[in-house]
Amino acid sequence: WWNHLHFQHHAKPNCFRKDPDVNMH
């Protein structure tokens, strides 16, 4: 689970719909 989310974050940080960490928007 961590790998699935975190690798997406590092690939496209702060890119809406591609970085799971900014899905709160």
PDB file of all heavy atoms in Angstrom:
ATOM      1  N   TRP A   1       0.838  -1.210   0.000  1.00  0.00           N
ATOM      2  CA  TRP A   1       0.000   0.000   0.000  1.00  0.00           C
ATOM      3  C   TRP A   1       0.869   1.254   0.000  1.00  0.00           C
ATOM      4  O   TRP A   1       0.651   2.177  -0.772  1.00  0.00           O
ATOM      5  CB  TRP A   1      -0.921  -0.022   1.219  1.00  0.00           C
ATOM      6  CG  TRP A   1      -1.539   1.282   1.583  1.00  0.00           C
ATOM      7  CD1 TRP A   1      -2.582   1.908   0.968  1.00  0.00           C
ATOM      8  CD2 TRP A   1      -1.161   2.128   2.687  1.00  0.00           C
ATOM      9  NE1 TRP A   1      -2.892   3.089   1.610  1.00  0.00           N
ATOM     10  CE2 TRP A   1      -2.021   3.252   2.672  1.00  0.00           C
ATOM     11  CE3 TRP A   1      -0.192   2.042   3.683  1.00  0.00           C
ATOM     12  CZ2 TRP A   1      -1.936   4.276   3.607  1.00  0.00           C
ATOM     13  CZ3 TRP A   1      -0.105   3.060   4.618  1.00  0.00           C
ATOM     14  CH2 TRP A   1      -0.965   4.156   4.572  1.00  0.00           C
ATOM     15  N   TRP A   2       1.893   1.264   0.847  1.00  0.00           N
ATOM     16  CA  TRP A   2       2.794   2.425   0.908  1.00  0.00           C
ATOM     17  C   TRP A   2       3.511   2.608  -0.428  1.00  0.00           C
ATOM     18  O   TRP A   2       3.592   3.724  -0.946  1.00  0.00           O
ATOM     19  CB  TRP A   2       3.807   2.254   2.036  1.00  0.00           C
ATOM     20  CG  TRP A   2       4.696   3.443   2.196  1.00  0.00           C
ATOM     21  CD1 TRP A   2       4.469   4.563   2.935  1.00  0.00           C
ATOM     22  CD2 TRP A   2       5.977   3.635   1.569  1.00  0.00           C
ATOM     23  NE1 TRP A   2       5.523   5.440   2.811  1.00  0.00           N
ATOM     24  CE2 TRP A   2       6.458   4.901   1.989  1.00  0.00           C
ATOM     25  CE3 TRP A   2       6.759   2.872   0.708  1.00  0.00           C
ATOM     26  CZ2 TRP A   2       7.692   5.406   1.568  1.00  0.00           C
ATOM     27  CZ3 TRP A   2       7.980   3.376   0.283  1.00  0.00           C
ATOM     28  CH2 TRP A   2       8.434   4.623   0.722  1.00  0.00           C
ATOM     29  N   ASN A   3       4.019   1.518  -0.986  1.00  0.00           N
ATOM     30  CA  ASN A   3       4.711   1.603  -2.266  1.00  0.00           C
ATOM     31  C   ASN A   3       3.781   2.138  -3.355  1.00  0.00           C
ATOM     32  O   ASN A   3       4.175   2.982  -4.169  1.00  0.00           O
ATOM     33  CB  ASN A   3       5.239   0.227  -2.676  1.00  0.00           C
ATOM     34  CG  ASN A   3       6.399  -0.233  -1.813  1.00  0.00           C
ATOM     35  OD1 ASN A   3       7.112   0.576  -1.230  1.00  0.00           O
ATOM     36  ND2 ASN A   3       6.576  -1.537  -1.716  1.00  0.00           N
ATOM     37  N   HIS A   4       2.567   1.632  -3.392  1.00  0.00           N
ATOM     38  CA  HIS A   4       1.604   2.027  -4.426  1.00  0.00           C
ATOM     39  C   HIS A   4       1.346   3.532  -4.399  1.00  0.00           C
ATOM     40  O   HIS A   4       1.322   4.186  -5.452  1.00  0.00           O
ATOM     41  CB  HIS A   4       0.299   1.262  -4.210  1.00  0.00           C
ATOM     42  CG  HIS A   4      -0.801   1.664  -5.136  1.00  0.00           C
ATOM     43  ND1 HIS A   4      -0.795   1.359  -6.478  1.00  0.00           N
ATOM     44  CD2 HIS A   4      -1.948   2.378  -4.921  1.00  0.00           C
ATOM     45  CE1 HIS A   4      -1.885   1.838  -7.051  1.00  0.00           C
ATOM     46  NE2 HIS A   4      -2.603   2.457  -6.131  1.00  0.00           N
ATOM     47  N   LEU A   5       1.152   4.086  -3.217  1.00  0.00           N
ATOM     48  CA  LEU A   5       0.863   5.521  -3.102  1.00  0.00           C
ATOM     49  C   LEU A   5       2.114   6.377  -3.225  1.00  0.00           C
ATOM     50  O   LEU A   5       2.125   7.389  -3.927  1.00  0.00           O
ATOM     51  CB  LEU A   5       0.173   5.804  -1.760  1.00  0.00           C
ATOM     52  CG  LEU A   5      -1.218   5.216  -1.555  1.00  0.00           C
ATOM     53  CD1 LEU A   5      -1.734   5.573  -0.160  1.00  0.00           C
ATOM     54  CD2 LEU A   5      -2.185   5.727  -2.615  1.00  0.00           C
ATOM     55  N   HIS A   6       3.175   5.961  -2.561  1.00  0.00           N
ATOM     56  CA  HIS A   6       4.350   6.832  -2.450  1.00  0.00           C
ATOM     57  C   HIS A   6       5.119   6.924  -3.759  1.00  0.00           C
ATOM     58  O   HIS A   6       5.693   7.970  -4.068  1.00  0.00           O
ATOM     59  CB  HIS A   6       5.257   6.326  -1.330  1.00  0.00           C
ATOM     60  CG  HIS A   6       6.183   7.384  -0.801  1.00  0.00           C
ATOM     61  ND1 HIS A   6       5.735   8.510  -0.151  1.00  0.00           N
ATOM     62  CD2 HIS A   6       7.531   7.501  -0.845  1.00  0.00           C
ATOM     63  CE1 HIS A   6       6.758   9.269   0.191  1.00  0.00           C
ATOM     64  NE2 HIS A   6       7.859   8.680  -0.219  1.00  0.00           N
ATOM     65  N   PHE A   7       5.144   5.852  -4.528  1.00  0.00           N
ATOM     66  CA  PHE A   7       5.841   5.914  -5.810  1.00  0.00           C
ATOM     67  C   PHE A   7       5.126   6.850  -6.778  1.00  0.00           C
ATOM     68  O   PHE A   7       5.757   7.530  -7.589  1.00  0.00           O
ATOM     69  CB  PHE A   7       5.976   4.523  -6.414  1.00  0.00           C
ATOM     70  CG  PHE A   7       6.897   3.610  -5.646  1.00  0.00           C
ATOM     71  CD1 PHE A   7       7.021   2.271  -5.986  1.00  0.00           C
ATOM     72  CD2 PHE A   7       7.640   4.081  -4.577  1.00  0.00           C
ATOM     73  CE1 PHE A   7       7.877   1.430  -5.280  1.00  0.00           C
ATOM     74  CE2 PHE A   7       8.490   3.257  -3.863  1.00  0.00           C
ATOM     75  CZ  PHE A   7       8.607   1.929  -4.215  1.00  0.00           C
ATOM     76  N   GLN A   8       3.796   6.897  -6.707  1.00  0.00           N
ATOM     77  CA  GLN A   8       3.047   7.844  -7.526  1.00  0.00           C
ATOM     78  C   GLN A   8       3.378   9.280  -7.116  1.00  0.00           C
ATOM     79  O   GLN A   8       3.541  10.160  -7.971  1.00  0.00           O
ATOM     80  CB  GLN A   8       1.543   7.612  -7.370  1.00  0.00           C
ATOM     81  CG  GLN A   8       1.037   6.313  -7.943  1.00  0.00           C
ATOM     82  CD  GLN A   8      -0.446   6.145  -7.729  1.00  0.00           C
ATOM     83  OE1 GLN A   8      -1.260   6.830  -8.350  1.00  0.00           O
ATOM     84  NE2 GLN A   8      -0.819   5.248  -6.824  1.00  0.00           N
ATOM     85  N   HIS A   9       3.470   9.487  -5.809  1.00  0.00           N
ATOM     86  CA  HIS A   9       3.799  10.819  -5.306  1.00  0.00           C
ATOM     87  C   HIS A   9       5.151  11.285  -5.811  1.00  0.00           C
ATOM     88  O   HIS A   9       5.308  12.435  -6.244  1.00  0.00           O
ATOM     89  CB  HIS A   9       3.784  10.807  -3.775  1.00  0.00           C
ATOM     90  CG  HIS A   9       4.464  11.984  -3.154  1.00  0.00           C
ATOM     91  ND1 HIS A   9       3.942  13.270  -3.221  1.00  0.00           N
ATOM     92  CD2 HIS A   9       5.633  12.095  -2.474  1.00  0.00           C
ATOM     93  CE1 HIS A   9       4.754  14.114  -2.606  1.00  0.00           C
ATOM     94  NE2 HIS A   9       5.792  13.428  -2.149  1.00  0.00           N
ATOM     95  N   HIS A  10       6.147  10.419  -5.775  1.00  0.00           N
ATOM     96  CA  HIS A  10       7.480  10.820  -6.207  1.00  0.00           C
ATOM     97  C   HIS A  10       7.562  11.015  -7.716  1.00  0.00           C
ATOM     98  O   HIS A  10       8.357  11.818  -8.193  1.00  0.00           O
ATOM     99  CB  HIS A  10       8.518   9.784  -5.753  1.00  0.00           C
ATOM    100  CG  HIS A  10       9.119  10.097  -4.424  1.00  0.00           C
ATOM    101  ND1 HIS A  10      10.287  10.819  -4.276  1.00  0.00           N
ATOM    102  CD2 HIS A  10       8.691   9.829  -3.165  1.00  0.00           C
ATOM    103  CE1 HIS A  10      10.562  10.952  -2.987  1.00  0.00           C
ATOM    104  NE2 HIS A  10       9.609  10.359  -2.294  1.00  0.00           N
ATOM    105  N   ALA A  11       6.750  10.288  -8.462  1.00  0.00           N
ATOM    106  CA  ALA A  11       6.780  10.424  -9.910  1.00  0.00           C
ATOM    107  C   ALA A  11       6.187  11.753 -10.360  1.00  0.00           C
ATOM    108  O   ALA A  11       6.727  12.414 -11.266  1.00  0.00           O
ATOM    109  CB  ALA A  11       6.012   9.268 -10.561  1.00  0.00           C
ATOM    110  N   LYS A  12       5.080  12.165  -9.731  1.00  0.00           N
ATOM    111  CA  LYS A  12       4.389  13.391 -10.131  1.00  0.00           C
ATOM    112  C   LYS A  12       3.962  14.190  -8.897  1.00  0.00           C
ATOM    113  O   LYS A  12       2.769  14.350  -8.630  1.00  0.00           O
ATOM    114  CB  LYS A  12       3.146  13.046 -10.964  1.00  0.00           C
ATOM    115  CG  LYS A  12       3.429  12.370 -12.291  1.00  0.00           C
ATOM    116  CD  LYS A  12       4.030  13.339 -13.307  1.00  0.00           C
ATOM    117  CE  LYS A  12       4.203  12.675 -14.662  1.00  0.00           C
ATOM    118  NZ  LYS A  12       4.759  13.619 -15.675  1.00  0.00           N
ATOM    119  N   PRO A  13       4.901  14.727  -8.121  1.00  0.00           N
ATOM    120  CA  PRO A  13       4.523  15.451  -6.909  1.00  0.00           C
ATOM    121  C   PRO A  13       3.705  16.701  -7.220  1.00  0.00           C
ATOM    122  O   PRO A  13       4.019  17.446  -8.144  1.00  0.00           O
ATOM    123  CB  PRO A  13       5.874  15.812  -6.273  1.00  0.00           C
ATOM    124  CG  PRO A  13       6.835  15.833  -7.421  1.00  0.00           C
ATOM    125  CD  PRO A  13       6.359  14.746  -8.346  1.00  0.00           C
ATOM    126  N   ASN A  14       2.630  16.875  -6.445  1.00  0.00           N
ATOM    127  CA  ASN A  14       1.747  18.042  -6.556  1.00  0.00           C
ATOM    128  C   ASN A  14       1.016  18.138  -7.890  1.00  0.00           C
ATOM    129  O   ASN A  14       0.517  19.205  -8.245  1.00  0.00           O
ATOM    130  CB  ASN A  14       2.504  19.349  -6.289  1.00  0.00           C
ATOM    131  CG  ASN A  14       2.705  19.602  -4.804  1.00  0.00           C
ATOM    132  OD1 ASN A  14       2.504  18.706  -3.988  1.00  0.00           O
ATOM    133  ND2 ASN A  14       3.101  20.812  -4.456  1.00  0.00           N
ATOM    134  N   CYS A  15       0.969  17.039  -8.641  1.00  0.00           N
ATOM    135  CA  CYS A  15       0.192  17.009  -9.882  1.00  0.00           C
ATOM    136  C   CYS A  15      -1.189  16.445  -9.580  1.00  0.00           C
ATOM    137  O   CYS A  15      -1.319  15.274  -9.213  1.00  0.00           O
ATOM    138  CB  CYS A  15       0.883  16.155 -10.949  1.00  0.00           C
ATOM    139  SG  CYS A  15       2.420  16.883 -11.581  1.00  0.00           S
ATOM    140  N   PHE A  16      -2.197  17.278  -9.733  1.00  0.00           N
ATOM    141  CA  PHE A  16      -3.567  16.887  -9.415  1.00  0.00           C
ATOM    142  C   PHE A  16      -4.004  15.682 -10.245  1.00  0.00           C
ATOM    143  O   PHE A  16      -3.738  15.625 -11.436  1.00  0.00           O
ATOM    144  CB  PHE A  16      -4.493  18.079  -9.670  1.00  0.00           C
ATOM    145  CG  PHE A  16      -5.918  17.848  -9.251  1.00  0.00           C
ATOM    146  CD1 PHE A  16      -6.222  17.269  -8.031  1.00  0.00           C
ATOM    147  CD2 PHE A  16      -6.961  18.225 -10.088  1.00  0.00           C
ATOM    148  CE1 PHE A  16      -7.538  17.063  -7.642  1.00  0.00           C
ATOM    149  CE2 PHE A  16      -8.284  18.031  -9.707  1.00  0.00           C
ATOM    150  CZ  PHE A  16      -8.564  17.446  -8.486  1.00  0.00           C
ATOM    151  N   ARG A  17      -4.651  14.729  -9.591  1.00  0.00           N
ATOM    152  CA  ARG A  17      -5.140  13.466 -10.151  1.00  0.00           C
ATOM    153  C   ARG A  17      -4.023  12.452 -10.411  1.00  0.00           C
ATOM    154  O   ARG A  17      -4.294  11.338 -10.859  1.00  0.00           O
ATOM    155  CB  ARG A  17      -5.964  13.668 -11.430  1.00  0.00           C
ATOM    156  CG  ARG A  17      -7.162  14.590 -11.249  1.00  0.00           C
ATOM    157  CD  ARG A  17      -8.105  14.495 -12.448  1.00  0.00           C
ATOM    158  NE  ARG A  17      -9.143  15.513 -12.400  1.00  0.00           N
ATOM    159  CZ  ARG A  17     -10.218  15.483 -11.623  1.00  0.00           C
ATOM    160  NH1 ARG A  17     -10.380  14.469 -10.797  1.00  0.00           N
ATOM    161  NH2 ARG A  17     -11.109  16.453 -11.654  1.00  0.00           N
ATOM    162  N   LYS A  18      -2.775  12.816 -10.162  1.00  0.00           N
ATOM    163  CA  LYS A  18      -1.670  11.866 -10.317  1.00  0.00           C
ATOM    164  C   LYS A  18      -0.885  11.678  -9.024  1.00  0.00           C
ATOM    165  O   LYS A  18      -0.289  10.622  -8.816  1.00  0.00           O
ATOM    166  CB  LYS A  18      -0.737  12.317 -11.448  1.00  0.00           C
ATOM    167  CG  LYS A  18      -1.395  12.243 -12.826  1.00  0.00           C
ATOM    168  CD  LYS A  18      -0.403  12.449 -13.950  1.00  0.00           C
ATOM    169  CE  LYS A  18      -1.082  12.263 -15.307  1.00  0.00           C
ATOM    170  NZ  LYS A  18      -0.126  12.434 -16.435  1.00  0.00           N
ATOM    171  N   ASP A  19      -0.875  12.679  -8.171  1.00  0.00           N
ATOM    172  CA  ASP A  19      -0.233  12.573  -6.863  1.00  0.00           C
ATOM    173  C   ASP A  19      -1.320  12.301  -5.816  1.00  0.00           C
ATOM    174  O   ASP A  19      -2.148  13.170  -5.554  1.00  0.00           O
ATOM    175  CB  ASP A  19       0.515  13.863  -6.532  1.00  0.00           C
ATOM    176  CG  ASP A  19       1.185  13.819  -5.167  1.00  0.00           C
ATOM    177  OD1 ASP A  19       1.115  12.768  -4.495  1.00  0.00           O
ATOM    178  OD2 ASP A  19       1.774  14.840  -4.768  1.00  0.00           O
ATOM    179  N   PRO A  20      -1.349  11.115  -5.215  1.00  0.00           N
ATOM    180  CA  PRO A  20      -2.401  10.796  -4.229  1.00  0.00           C
ATOM    181  C   PRO A  20      -2.409  11.741  -3.035  1.00  0.00           C
ATOM    182  O   PRO A  20      -3.444  11.899  -2.386  1.00  0.00           O
ATOM    183  CB  PRO A  20      -2.049   9.370  -3.794  1.00  0.00           C
ATOM    184  CG  PRO A  20      -1.182   8.828  -4.871  1.00  0.00           C
ATOM    185  CD  PRO A  20      -0.429   9.996  -5.428  1.00  0.00           C
ATOM    186  N   ASP A  21      -1.281  12.378  -2.744  1.00  0.00           N
ATOM    187  CA  ASP A  21      -1.202  13.243  -1.571  1.00  0.00           C
ATOM    188  C   ASP A  21      -2.005  14.534  -1.714  1.00  0.00           C
ATOM    189  O   ASP A  21      -2.233  15.227  -0.718  1.00  0.00           O
ATOM    190  CB  ASP A  21       0.266  13.590  -1.273  1.00  0.00           C
ATOM    191  CG  ASP A  21       1.036  12.398  -0.745  1.00  0.00           C
ATOM    192  OD1 ASP A  21       0.440  11.293  -0.680  1.00  0.00           O
ATOM    193  OD2 ASP A  21       2.215  12.551  -0.405  1.00  0.00           O
ATOM    194  N   VAL A  22      -2.417  14.887  -2.923  1.00  0.00           N
ATOM    195  CA  VAL A  22      -3.217  16.106  -3.093  1.00  0.00           C
ATOM    196  C   VAL A  22      -4.648  15.761  -3.517  1.00  0.00           C
ATOM    197  O   VAL A  22      -5.359  16.602  -4.053  1.00  0.00           O
ATOM    198  CB  VAL A  22      -2.579  17.083  -4.108  1.00  0.00           C
ATOM    199  CG1 VAL A  22      -1.262  17.614  -3.573  1.00  0.00           C
ATOM    200  CG2 VAL A  22      -2.367  16.416  -5.465  1.00  0.00           C
ATOM    201  N   ASN A  23      -5.077  14.539  -3.218  1.00  0.00           N
ATOM    202  CA  ASN A  23      -6.440  14.144  -3.559  1.00  0.00           C
ATOM    203  C   ASN A  23      -7.503  14.819  -2.692  1.00  0.00           C
ATOM    204  O   ASN A  23      -8.693  14.647  -2.943  1.00  0.00           O
ATOM    205  CB  ASN A  23      -6.599  12.619  -3.445  1.00  0.00           C
ATOM    206  CG  ASN A  23      -6.109  11.898  -4.686  1.00  0.00           C
ATOM    207  OD1 ASN A  23      -5.842  12.517  -5.709  1.00  0.00           O
ATOM    208  ND2 ASN A  23      -5.965  10.583  -4.595  1.00  0.00           N
ATOM    209  N   MET A  24      -7.084  15.567  -1.681  1.00  0.00           N
ATOM    210  CA  MET A  24      -8.058  16.259  -0.828  1.00  0.00           C
ATOM    211  C   MET A  24      -8.671  17.475  -1.518  1.00  0.00           C
ATOM    212  O   MET A  24      -9.622  18.067  -1.016  1.00  0.00           O
ATOM    213  CB  MET A  24      -7.383  16.689   0.467  1.00  0.00           C
ATOM    214  CG  MET A  24      -6.128  17.490   0.287  1.00  0.00           C
ATOM    215  SD  MET A  24      -5.254  17.664   1.854  1.00  0.00           S
ATOM    216  CE  MET A  24      -3.656  18.213   1.294  1.00  0.00           C
ATOM    217  N   HIS A  25      -8.153  17.852  -2.675  1.00  0.00           N
ATOM    218  CA  HIS A  25      -8.749  18.917  -3.485  1.00  0.00           C
ATOM    219  C   HIS A  25      -9.761  18.287  -4.438  1.00  0.00           C
ATOM    220  O   HIS A  25      -9.453  17.287  -5.092  1.00  0.00           O
ATOM    221  CB  HIS A  25      -7.657  19.641  -4.277  1.00  0.00           C
ATOM    222  CG  HIS A  25      -8.174  20.629  -5.278  1.00  0.00           C
ATOM    223  ND1 HIS A  25      -8.352  21.944  -4.969  1.00  0.00           N
ATOM    224  CD2 HIS A  25      -8.577  20.500  -6.573  1.00  0.00           C
ATOM    225  CE1 HIS A  25      -8.823  22.589  -6.038  1.00  0.00           C
ATOM    226  NE2 HIS A  25      -8.971  21.710  -7.023  1.00  0.00           N
TER     227      HIS A  25
END
